[in-house]
Amino acid sequence: MFSRFLPLLIALALPAGQAQAEFPAKPVRIVVPYPISGPTDIRGTSRLTKTYKLIAQHAPPAISDTLARAVAQAIRAATPHKVVLERQPGGATTRGAMTVARSPADGHTLLLASNATIIINPNYFHGVEYEPSRDFVLVAPLVTMPFVLLVNSGLPVDTPQKLAAWLKPRPGEINYGSSGEGSTAHLAGELFRRTTGVEVVHVSYNGGLAALNGLATGQVSLMFAALPLALPYLASEHLRVLGIAGAGRFALLPELPTLAESGLPGFEIEAWYGIFGPARTPDAAAVWLNERIAAAISNPATRFQLFALGLEPVTSPLGQFATRINSELEKWAPVLRASRMPFKDGAS
């Protein structure tokens, strides 16, 4: 199926000089949306009795900040105009997305968005006002972010299959944590539940660090954690990693098998980040931006930095990544809409 995120394919055939004409003509704004933290909520169980203090809990996630700075630097190096990072909290990242959707489509306002903003939120939460394929155009893919399956080290399991076998005779007794209702981690947990046929209770935390604390202290028994969050703790005595949920092994962890290799065929889920503009962004502007952002992401020093953070730089062509987004929308939208929630401004 032809993706509505693909209008740049024709523009990419433009000669470089033509693509660069008269852009940028003024400062470029990159909107970096992030969710507002709120009270921890355990659905289906009693409320937490412990309070966790998170450092800078209202700050944008470090990954978003790192990627936004890399993009800003790439643009800034090729223009005398300023590049401004505008961090917008709230609405589970939808507020920032709406700002860009309503901005002039001239290439000077961009959105740093993840699969949560483009795929999960508008299909999972009622009341989200933007339609991704109608309101945005993909300008440049940035990175993919793998997830790993972690269990509390007290569990007598060391493979995903053994975990499923241990869970099956305990329906509804075991909790799994996530970084928030409707997050990629939540989606990964639901995919695991459906794939293995186990019954586990979802515990929604405000952020991955809080969920990781819950796992280490035994409040939950398992979780899917974003690799950048999990990397510093993979050697912890409180946690055990069972596999990675991506299509392939991660370059810096070649010994860690995928879940598909570990007895869950077809199990694949990961997050991603990209730069988007408002629909009808001029082709010349979009091509100019794509060329510079893609060059920055493919720079060896940048690639090394991203890998070290637990991120996989995207090397696929723009059209191929746009097709991936379209495929994910078709795959996950019906699943997400089947369990839609009322929109809450503080959702993670």
Foldseek 3Di string as FASTA:
>chain_A
DAALQPPLPVLLPDDLVVLQPCPPVAEAEEEEEAFQADAFFFPPDDGDPDDDDDPPRRDHDPVSVVLLVLLQVLVVVPDVHHYHYHYHYWQRRLVSVVVQLPDDQALRYKYKDKCLNQAQSVQFAPPRDDHNSQWKHFLAWWWWWWKFKKFFLVDPDQALVVVLVVQAVPAANAEEEDQFVRDLFVVLVVVSCVLSVGHHGYGGGNGDVVRVVCRLVVVHTMTIGTCLVCVVCCPPSGMHTHAIQAPADQPVCNVGHHNCVRPRNPRHGIMTIGMMGTPPRDSSSSSVSHVSSLVSSPPPVNQVVQSVSRIHTDDDDPSVVSVVSVVSNVVCSVVSNVNHDHRDTNTD
